[in-house]
Amino acid sequence: MLLQRKGFGWGLKCAEVAPGVDIGRDVVLNRGLSGVDLERVEGMANLAQALTMAFTTGLGMDVFNVRFGFDGIRVLAEESNPIMARERIRVSAIQILQKDPRIRRILEVRLPEGDTEAERVSQRMLRELHVAVSFETITFEQVSLNLGKVMPYV
């Protein structure tokens, strides 16, 4: 646990403003007997939160770090072939994972196809994907994260 805390660091806990609708995140306040303070996440929870935020932020939308974010909007605007679009989105996902220094090696990036025709149509119409990743961390742990629904637009 101490190695994870040191290796993965800590950050401010950021929760969705409107759960289920990705319109942004805000810091979480911890109201205790000693007053109000900002809530923190550390270790693996910090890494998972950072990856989720990277996948739900459009590339270049963070004015302080224009290299941060997911390049899904450009893929959907430029690519007309759905198979090529999925592969380019997979490459964009791999680029996000490669930028994080806490990730040693990427094992797998999964963009599961819907099981039914209705789910496949929904994914195309809503432009949403469910992303799951597996990787090895700098502490040599193998981790699988289901990042959930990713809306590849800004």
N, C-alpha and C. Protein backbone atom coordinates (compact mmCIF):
# COMPACT_ATOMS: atom_id res chain seq x y z
N MET A 1 0.83 -1.19 0.00
CA MET A 1 0.00 0.00 0.00
C MET A 1 0.87 1.26 0.00
N LEU A 2 1.94 1.26 0.79
CA LEU A 2 2.83 2.42 0.85
C LEU A 2 3.53 2.63 -0.50
N LEU A 3 3.91 1.51 -1.14
CA LEU A 3 4.55 1.60 -2.44
C LEU A 3 3.58 2.17 -3.48
N GLN A 4 2.32 1.75 -3.42
CA GLN A 4 1.31 2.30 -4.33
C GLN A 4 1.12 3.79 -4.09
N ARG A 5 1.05 4.19 -2.82
CA ARG A 5 0.84 5.60 -2.50
C ARG A 5 1.99 6.45 -3.03
N LYS A 6 3.21 5.95 -2.87
CA LYS A 6 4.36 6.69 -3.38
C LYS A 6 4.43 6.65 -4.89
N GLY A 7 4.20 5.49 -5.48
CA GLY A 7 4.33 5.32 -6.92
C GLY A 7 3.23 5.99 -7.72
N PHE A 8 2.00 5.97 -7.21
CA PHE A 8 0.87 6.49 -7.95
C PHE A 8 0.44 7.87 -7.48
N GLY A 9 1.00 8.32 -6.38
CA GLY A 9 0.72 9.67 -5.91
C GLY A 9 -0.68 9.86 -5.37
N TRP A 10 -1.03 11.12 -5.24
CA TRP A 10 -2.37 11.47 -4.76
C TRP A 10 -2.87 12.66 -5.55
N GLY A 11 -4.15 12.88 -5.49
CA GLY A 11 -4.76 14.01 -6.17
C GLY A 11 -6.06 14.37 -5.49
N LEU A 12 -6.67 15.43 -5.96
CA LEU A 12 -7.97 15.82 -5.43
C LEU A 12 -9.04 14.92 -6.03
N LYS A 13 -9.97 14.49 -5.20
CA LYS A 13 -11.05 13.65 -5.68
C LYS A 13 -12.00 14.52 -6.50
N CYS A 14 -12.31 14.05 -7.70
CA CYS A 14 -13.21 14.77 -8.60
C CYS A 14 -14.37 13.86 -8.97
N ALA A 15 -15.56 14.30 -8.66
CA ALA A 15 -16.76 13.52 -8.96
C ALA A 15 -17.53 14.17 -10.09
N GLU A 16 -18.31 13.37 -10.80
CA GLU A 16 -19.14 13.90 -11.89
C GLU A 16 -20.13 14.90 -11.32
N VAL A 17 -20.32 15.99 -12.03
CA VAL A 17 -21.28 17.02 -11.60
C VAL A 17 -22.69 16.44 -11.65
N ALA A 18 -23.00 15.76 -12.73
CA ALA A 18 -24.30 15.10 -12.89
C ALA A 18 -24.01 13.64 -13.22
N PRO A 19 -24.09 12.73 -12.24
CA PRO A 19 -23.75 11.32 -12.49
C PRO A 19 -24.54 10.75 -13.67
N GLY A 20 -23.82 10.05 -14.53
CA GLY A 20 -24.43 9.46 -15.70
C GLY A 20 -24.41 10.36 -16.93
N VAL A 21 -24.18 11.64 -16.74
CA VAL A 21 -24.11 12.59 -17.85
C VAL A 21 -22.78 13.31 -17.72
N ASP A 22 -21.87 13.05 -18.66
CA ASP A 22 -20.53 13.62 -18.52
C ASP A 22 -20.50 15.06 -19.00
N ILE A 23 -20.86 15.97 -18.10
CA ILE A 23 -20.78 17.40 -18.42
C ILE A 23 -19.68 18.08 -17.64
N GLY A 24 -18.93 17.31 -16.89
CA GLY A 24 -17.82 17.87 -16.15
C GLY A 24 -17.67 17.22 -14.79
N ARG A 25 -16.61 17.61 -14.13
CA ARG A 25 -16.30 17.10 -12.79
C ARG A 25 -15.97 18.27 -11.89
N ASP A 26 -16.12 18.04 -10.60
CA ASP A 26 -15.82 19.06 -9.62
C ASP A 26 -15.15 18.40 -8.43
N VAL A 27 -14.34 19.16 -7.71
CA VAL A 27 -13.69 18.62 -6.52
C VAL A 27 -14.73 18.29 -5.47
N VAL A 28 -14.40 17.32 -4.62
CA VAL A 28 -15.31 16.87 -3.58
C VAL A 28 -14.85 17.45 -2.25
N LEU A 29 -15.79 18.03 -1.52
CA LEU A 29 -15.49 18.57 -0.20
C LEU A 29 -15.76 17.53 0.86
N ASN A 30 -14.89 17.47 1.85
CA ASN A 30 -15.03 16.56 2.96
C ASN A 30 -15.42 17.40 4.18
N ARG A 31 -16.66 17.27 4.60
CA ARG A 31 -17.15 18.02 5.75
C ARG A 31 -17.03 17.15 6.99
N GLY A 32 -16.13 17.53 7.88
CA GLY A 32 -15.92 16.77 9.11
C GLY A 32 -16.09 17.65 10.33
N LEU A 33 -15.81 17.08 11.46
CA LEU A 33 -15.93 17.83 12.71
C LEU A 33 -14.93 18.97 12.79
N SER A 34 -13.79 18.81 12.11
CA SER A 34 -12.76 19.84 12.17
C SER A 34 -12.95 20.92 11.09
N GLY A 35 -14.00 20.82 10.31
CA GLY A 35 -14.25 21.83 9.28
C GLY A 35 -14.38 21.20 7.90
N VAL A 36 -14.17 22.01 6.90
CA VAL A 36 -14.30 21.57 5.51
C VAL A 36 -12.91 21.50 4.88
N ASP A 37 -12.66 20.42 4.15
CA ASP A 37 -11.38 20.25 3.48
C ASP A 37 -11.65 19.57 2.14
N LEU A 38 -10.69 19.62 1.24
CA LEU A 38 -10.80 18.95 -0.04
C LEU A 38 -10.50 17.47 0.14
N GLU A 39 -11.34 16.61 -0.44
CA GLU A 39 -11.13 15.17 -0.34
C GLU A 39 -10.06 14.74 -1.32
N ARG A 40 -9.26 13.74 -0.92
CA ARG A 40 -8.16 13.26 -1.75
C ARG A 40 -8.38 11.82 -2.18
N VAL A 41 -7.74 11.45 -3.27
CA VAL A 41 -7.63 10.06 -3.69
C VAL A 41 -6.15 9.75 -3.80
N GLU A 42 -5.79 8.52 -3.51
CA GLU A 42 -4.38 8.17 -3.60
C GLU A 42 -4.23 6.74 -4.08
N GLY A 43 -3.03 6.43 -4.49
CA GLY A 43 -2.74 5.08 -4.95
C GLY A 43 -3.45 4.76 -6.26
N MET A 44 -3.95 3.53 -6.34
CA MET A 44 -4.60 3.05 -7.55
C MET A 44 -5.85 3.87 -7.89
N ALA A 45 -6.57 4.36 -6.88
CA ALA A 45 -7.76 5.19 -7.13
C ALA A 45 -7.37 6.48 -7.85
N ASN A 46 -6.21 7.03 -7.53
CA ASN A 46 -5.73 8.24 -8.20
C ASN A 46 -5.42 7.95 -9.67
N LEU A 47 -4.78 6.81 -9.94
CA LEU A 47 -4.47 6.43 -11.32
C LEU A 47 -5.76 6.20 -12.11
N ALA A 48 -6.72 5.49 -11.53
CA ALA A 48 -7.98 5.23 -12.22
C ALA A 48 -8.73 6.52 -12.51
N GLN A 49 -8.75 7.44 -11.56
CA GLN A 49 -9.42 8.72 -11.77
C GLN A 49 -8.73 9.52 -12.88
N ALA A 50 -7.40 9.52 -12.88
CA ALA A 50 -6.65 10.26 -13.90
C ALA A 50 -6.94 9.71 -15.30
N LEU A 51 -7.00 8.39 -15.44
CA LEU A 51 -7.28 7.80 -16.74
C LEU A 51 -8.71 8.10 -17.18
N THR A 52 -9.65 8.00 -16.26
CA THR A 52 -11.04 8.32 -16.60
C THR A 52 -11.18 9.76 -17.06
N MET A 53 -10.51 10.67 -16.37
CA MET A 53 -10.57 12.08 -16.76
C MET A 53 -9.90 12.31 -18.12
N ALA A 54 -8.82 11.59 -18.40
CA ALA A 54 -8.15 11.74 -19.69
C ALA A 54 -9.06 11.26 -20.83
N PHE A 55 -9.80 10.17 -20.59
CA PHE A 55 -10.68 9.64 -21.64
C PHE A 55 -11.93 10.47 -21.83
N THR A 56 -12.30 11.28 -20.88
CA THR A 56 -13.52 12.09 -21.01
C THR A 56 -13.22 13.57 -21.25
N THR A 57 -11.97 13.89 -21.53
CA THR A 57 -11.58 15.26 -21.87
C THR A 57 -11.11 15.26 -23.32
N GLY A 58 -11.63 16.15 -24.11
CA GLY A 58 -11.19 16.25 -25.50
C GLY A 58 -9.75 16.70 -25.59
N LEU A 59 -9.01 16.16 -26.54
CA LEU A 59 -7.61 16.52 -26.71
C LEU A 59 -7.50 18.02 -26.96
N GLY A 60 -6.68 18.69 -26.16
CA GLY A 60 -6.45 20.12 -26.29
C GLY A 60 -7.43 20.99 -25.52
N MET A 61 -8.40 20.38 -24.83
CA MET A 61 -9.41 21.16 -24.11
C MET A 61 -8.91 21.67 -22.75
N ASP A 62 -7.84 21.09 -22.23
CA ASP A 62 -7.24 21.57 -20.98
C ASP A 62 -6.26 22.68 -21.37
N VAL A 63 -6.60 23.91 -21.04
CA VAL A 63 -5.77 25.05 -21.47
C VAL A 63 -4.38 25.04 -20.84
N PHE A 64 -4.22 24.33 -19.72
CA PHE A 64 -2.92 24.27 -19.06
C PHE A 64 -2.06 23.13 -19.59
N ASN A 65 -2.67 22.17 -20.28
CA ASN A 65 -1.93 21.05 -20.85
C ASN A 65 -2.66 20.61 -22.12
N VAL A 66 -2.36 21.23 -23.24
CA VAL A 66 -3.07 20.96 -24.49
C VAL A 66 -2.76 19.58 -25.06
N ARG A 67 -1.77 18.88 -24.53
CA ARG A 67 -1.47 17.52 -24.97
C ARG A 67 -2.27 16.48 -24.18
N PHE A 68 -3.09 16.92 -23.23
CA PHE A 68 -3.90 16.04 -22.40
C PHE A 68 -5.25 15.79 -23.06
N GLY A 69 -5.73 14.56 -22.99
CA GLY A 69 -7.08 14.27 -23.46
C GLY A 69 -7.15 13.21 -24.53
N PHE A 70 -8.36 12.93 -24.93
CA PHE A 70 -8.71 11.86 -25.87
C PHE A 70 -9.03 12.46 -27.23
N ASP A 71 -8.45 11.92 -28.28
CA ASP A 71 -8.60 12.47 -29.62
C ASP A 71 -9.74 11.80 -30.40
N GLY A 72 -10.83 11.49 -29.74
CA GLY A 72 -11.94 10.80 -30.39
C GLY A 72 -12.73 11.66 -31.35
N ILE A 73 -12.85 12.95 -31.10
CA ILE A 73 -13.65 13.83 -31.96
C ILE A 73 -13.08 13.89 -33.37
N ARG A 74 -11.78 14.01 -33.47
CA ARG A 74 -11.15 14.10 -34.79
C ARG A 74 -11.33 12.80 -35.57
N VAL A 75 -11.23 11.68 -34.86
CA VAL A 75 -11.42 10.38 -35.51
C VAL A 75 -12.83 10.28 -36.09
N LEU A 76 -13.83 10.65 -35.30
CA LEU A 76 -15.21 10.54 -35.78
C LEU A 76 -15.50 11.52 -36.90
N ALA A 77 -14.85 12.67 -36.89
CA ALA A 77 -15.07 13.66 -37.95
C ALA A 77 -14.39 13.26 -39.25
N GLU A 78 -13.25 12.59 -39.17
CA GLU A 78 -12.47 12.27 -40.36
C GLU A 78 -12.75 10.90 -40.95
N GLU A 79 -13.14 9.94 -40.13
CA GLU A 79 -13.22 8.55 -40.57
C GLU A 79 -14.65 8.13 -40.88
N SER A 80 -14.88 7.63 -42.09
CA SER A 80 -16.22 7.17 -42.46
C SER A 80 -16.38 5.66 -42.31
N ASN A 81 -15.29 4.91 -42.32
CA ASN A 81 -15.32 3.47 -42.17
C ASN A 81 -15.39 3.13 -40.67
N PRO A 82 -16.45 2.45 -40.19
CA PRO A 82 -16.59 2.17 -38.76
C PRO A 82 -15.48 1.29 -38.19
N ILE A 83 -14.95 0.37 -38.99
CA ILE A 83 -13.87 -0.49 -38.50
C ILE A 83 -12.60 0.34 -38.31
N MET A 84 -12.30 1.19 -39.26
CA MET A 84 -11.12 2.05 -39.13
C MET A 84 -11.30 3.05 -37.99
N ALA A 85 -12.52 3.54 -37.79
CA ALA A 85 -12.77 4.47 -36.69
C ALA A 85 -12.49 3.80 -35.35
N ARG A 86 -12.96 2.54 -35.18
CA ARG A 86 -12.70 1.81 -33.93
C ARG A 86 -11.20 1.61 -33.72
N GLU A 87 -10.46 1.28 -34.78
CA GLU A 87 -9.03 1.07 -34.63
C GLU A 87 -8.30 2.37 -34.31
N ARG A 88 -8.71 3.46 -34.93
CA ARG A 88 -8.08 4.75 -34.62
C ARG A 88 -8.40 5.18 -33.18
N ILE A 89 -9.60 4.87 -32.73
CA ILE A 89 -9.95 5.17 -31.33
C ILE A 89 -9.12 4.31 -30.40
N ARG A 90 -8.89 3.04 -30.77
CA ARG A 90 -8.04 2.16 -29.96
C ARG A 90 -6.61 2.74 -29.88
N VAL A 91 -6.10 3.25 -31.00
CA VAL A 91 -4.77 3.86 -31.01
C VAL A 91 -4.75 5.10 -30.12
N SER A 92 -5.81 5.91 -30.16
CA SER A 92 -5.89 7.09 -29.29
C SER A 92 -5.89 6.67 -27.83
N ALA A 93 -6.57 5.57 -27.51
CA ALA A 93 -6.59 5.06 -26.14
C ALA A 93 -5.20 4.61 -25.71
N ILE A 94 -4.49 3.94 -26.61
CA ILE A 94 -3.13 3.49 -26.30
C ILE A 94 -2.22 4.70 -26.06
N GLN A 95 -2.39 5.76 -26.83
CA GLN A 95 -1.57 6.96 -26.64
C GLN A 95 -1.80 7.58 -25.27
N ILE A 96 -3.03 7.57 -24.79
CA ILE A 96 -3.30 8.09 -23.45
C ILE A 96 -2.56 7.26 -22.41
N LEU A 97 -2.63 5.94 -22.54
CA LEU A 97 -1.97 5.06 -21.57
C LEU A 97 -0.45 5.23 -21.63
N GLN A 98 0.10 5.42 -22.81
CA GLN A 98 1.55 5.57 -22.94
C GLN A 98 2.06 6.86 -22.33
N LYS A 99 1.23 7.88 -22.26
CA LYS A 99 1.65 9.17 -21.70
C LYS A 99 1.76 9.15 -20.19
N ASP A 100 1.09 8.20 -19.54
CA ASP A 100 1.10 8.16 -18.08
C ASP A 100 2.35 7.42 -17.60
N PRO A 101 3.21 8.10 -16.85
CA PRO A 101 4.47 7.47 -16.41
C PRO A 101 4.26 6.37 -15.38
N ARG A 102 3.07 6.23 -14.82
CA ARG A 102 2.80 5.17 -13.83
C ARG A 102 2.49 3.84 -14.49
N ILE A 103 2.32 3.85 -15.82
CA ILE A 103 2.02 2.63 -16.55
C ILE A 103 3.29 2.15 -17.23
N ARG A 104 3.68 0.94 -16.89
CA ARG A 104 4.92 0.37 -17.41
C ARG A 104 4.72 -0.28 -18.78
N ARG A 105 3.60 -1.04 -18.90
CA ARG A 105 3.37 -1.80 -20.13
C ARG A 105 1.87 -1.98 -20.33
N ILE A 106 1.41 -1.78 -21.55
CA ILE A 106 -0.01 -1.95 -21.90
C ILE A 106 -0.21 -3.41 -22.32
N LEU A 107 -1.19 -4.06 -21.71
CA LEU A 107 -1.47 -5.45 -22.04
C LEU A 107 -2.62 -5.58 -23.04
N GLU A 108 -3.69 -4.77 -22.84
CA GLU A 108 -4.84 -4.89 -23.72
C GLU A 108 -5.72 -3.64 -23.62
N VAL A 109 -6.30 -3.27 -24.74
CA VAL A 109 -7.31 -2.20 -24.80
C VAL A 109 -8.52 -2.81 -25.50
N ARG A 110 -9.64 -2.85 -24.78
CA ARG A 110 -10.84 -3.47 -25.33
C ARG A 110 -11.92 -2.43 -25.56
N LEU A 111 -12.49 -2.45 -26.75
CA LEU A 111 -13.65 -1.64 -27.10
C LEU A 111 -14.74 -2.63 -27.50
N PRO A 112 -15.43 -3.22 -26.52
CA PRO A 112 -16.36 -4.30 -26.86
C PRO A 112 -17.47 -3.83 -27.78
N GLU A 113 -17.74 -4.64 -28.76
CA GLU A 113 -18.84 -4.40 -29.69
C GLU A 113 -20.12 -4.81 -28.98
N GLY A 114 -21.21 -4.11 -29.25
CA GLY A 114 -22.50 -4.46 -28.65
C GLY A 114 -22.91 -5.87 -29.04
N ASP A 115 -23.58 -6.57 -28.14
CA ASP A 115 -23.99 -7.94 -28.40
C ASP A 115 -25.20 -8.02 -29.32
N THR A 116 -26.06 -7.02 -29.24
CA THR A 116 -27.26 -7.06 -30.07
C THR A 116 -27.21 -5.93 -31.09
N GLU A 117 -28.03 -6.05 -32.12
CA GLU A 117 -28.08 -5.01 -33.15
C GLU A 117 -28.49 -3.67 -32.55
N ALA A 118 -29.43 -3.70 -31.59
CA ALA A 118 -29.88 -2.45 -30.95
C ALA A 118 -28.73 -1.76 -30.22
N GLU A 119 -27.86 -2.54 -29.54
CA GLU A 119 -26.70 -1.95 -28.85
C GLU A 119 -25.71 -1.37 -29.85
N ARG A 120 -25.51 -2.06 -30.97
CA ARG A 120 -24.57 -1.55 -31.98
C ARG A 120 -25.10 -0.25 -32.59
N VAL A 121 -26.40 -0.19 -32.87
CA VAL A 121 -26.99 1.04 -33.40
C VAL A 121 -26.88 2.15 -32.38
N SER A 122 -27.14 1.83 -31.10
CA SER A 122 -27.04 2.83 -30.02
C SER A 122 -25.62 3.39 -29.93
N GLN A 123 -24.62 2.51 -30.03
CA GLN A 123 -23.23 2.97 -29.96
C GLN A 123 -22.90 3.89 -31.12
N ARG A 124 -23.42 3.57 -32.32
CA ARG A 124 -23.13 4.44 -33.47
C ARG A 124 -23.87 5.76 -33.36
N MET A 125 -25.13 5.73 -32.92
CA MET A 125 -25.94 6.94 -32.87
C MET A 125 -25.49 7.86 -31.74
N LEU A 126 -25.19 7.30 -30.58
CA LEU A 126 -24.82 8.12 -29.44
C LEU A 126 -23.32 8.43 -29.40
N ARG A 127 -22.58 7.77 -30.29
CA ARG A 127 -21.13 7.98 -30.34
C ARG A 127 -20.50 7.70 -28.97
N GLU A 128 -20.89 6.58 -28.38
CA GLU A 128 -20.29 6.23 -27.10
C GLU A 128 -19.69 4.83 -27.19
N LEU A 129 -18.62 4.64 -26.47
CA LEU A 129 -17.93 3.36 -26.42
C LEU A 129 -17.69 3.00 -24.96
N HIS A 130 -17.61 1.72 -24.72
CA HIS A 130 -17.24 1.24 -23.39
C HIS A 130 -15.80 0.75 -23.50
N VAL A 131 -14.92 1.37 -22.73
CA VAL A 131 -13.49 1.07 -22.83
C VAL A 131 -13.03 0.33 -21.58
N ALA A 132 -12.31 -0.76 -21.81
CA ALA A 132 -11.68 -1.51 -20.73
C ALA A 132 -10.21 -1.69 -21.09
N VAL A 133 -9.34 -1.49 -20.12
CA VAL A 133 -7.90 -1.58 -20.37
C VAL A 133 -7.24 -2.49 -19.35
N SER A 134 -6.17 -3.13 -19.77
CA SER A 134 -5.33 -3.93 -18.88
C SER A 134 -3.90 -3.48 -19.10
N PHE A 135 -3.18 -3.30 -18.00
CA PHE A 135 -1.80 -2.83 -18.10
C PHE A 135 -1.02 -3.27 -16.88
N GLU A 136 0.29 -3.10 -16.98
CA GLU A 136 1.20 -3.38 -15.87
C GLU A 136 1.72 -2.04 -15.37
N THR A 137 1.68 -1.85 -14.06
CA THR A 137 2.10 -0.58 -13.47
C THR A 137 3.60 -0.59 -13.19
N ILE A 138 4.10 0.54 -12.73
CA ILE A 138 5.52 0.65 -12.39
C ILE A 138 5.88 -0.21 -11.18
N THR A 139 4.85 -0.65 -10.43
CA THR A 139 5.09 -1.54 -9.29
C THR A 139 4.91 -3.00 -9.69
N PHE A 140 4.86 -3.27 -11.01
CA PHE A 140 4.75 -4.60 -11.61
C PHE A 140 3.43 -5.31 -11.28
N GLU A 141 2.41 -4.55 -10.94
CA GLU A 141 1.08 -5.12 -10.72
C GLU A 141 0.33 -5.11 -12.05
N GLN A 142 -0.42 -6.16 -12.31
CA GLN A 142 -1.27 -6.18 -13.49
C GLN A 142 -2.65 -5.70 -13.07
N VAL A 143 -3.15 -4.71 -13.80
CA VAL A 143 -4.40 -4.05 -13.45
C VAL A 143 -5.35 -4.08 -14.65
N SER A 144 -6.62 -4.36 -14.37
CA SER A 144 -7.66 -4.25 -15.39
C SER A 144 -8.65 -3.22 -14.89
N LEU A 145 -8.90 -2.22 -15.71
CA LEU A 145 -9.86 -1.17 -15.36
C LEU A 145 -10.93 -1.08 -16.42
N ASN A 146 -12.16 -1.03 -15.97
CA ASN A 146 -13.27 -0.75 -16.87
C ASN A 146 -13.53 0.74 -16.74
N LEU A 147 -13.12 1.49 -17.74
CA LEU A 147 -13.27 2.94 -17.68
C LEU A 147 -14.69 3.38 -17.98
N GLY A 148 -15.52 2.43 -18.38
CA GLY A 148 -16.92 2.74 -18.60
C GLY A 148 -17.17 3.43 -19.91
N LYS A 149 -18.20 4.23 -19.92
CA LYS A 149 -18.66 4.89 -21.15
C LYS A 149 -17.75 6.07 -21.47
N VAL A 150 -17.25 6.07 -22.69
CA VAL A 150 -16.42 7.16 -23.17
C VAL A 150 -17.14 7.80 -24.34
N MET A 151 -17.36 9.09 -24.23
CA MET A 151 -18.00 9.83 -25.31
C MET A 151 -16.88 10.50 -26.10
N PRO A 152 -16.51 9.98 -27.26
CA PRO A 152 -15.36 10.52 -27.98
C PRO A 152 -15.66 11.83 -28.70
N TYR A 153 -16.23 12.78 -28.01
CA TYR A 153 -16.45 14.12 -28.56
C TYR A 153 -16.24 15.11 -27.45
N VAL A 154 -16.13 16.37 -27.80
CA VAL A 154 -15.89 17.41 -26.80
C VAL A 154 -17.20 18.02 -26.38
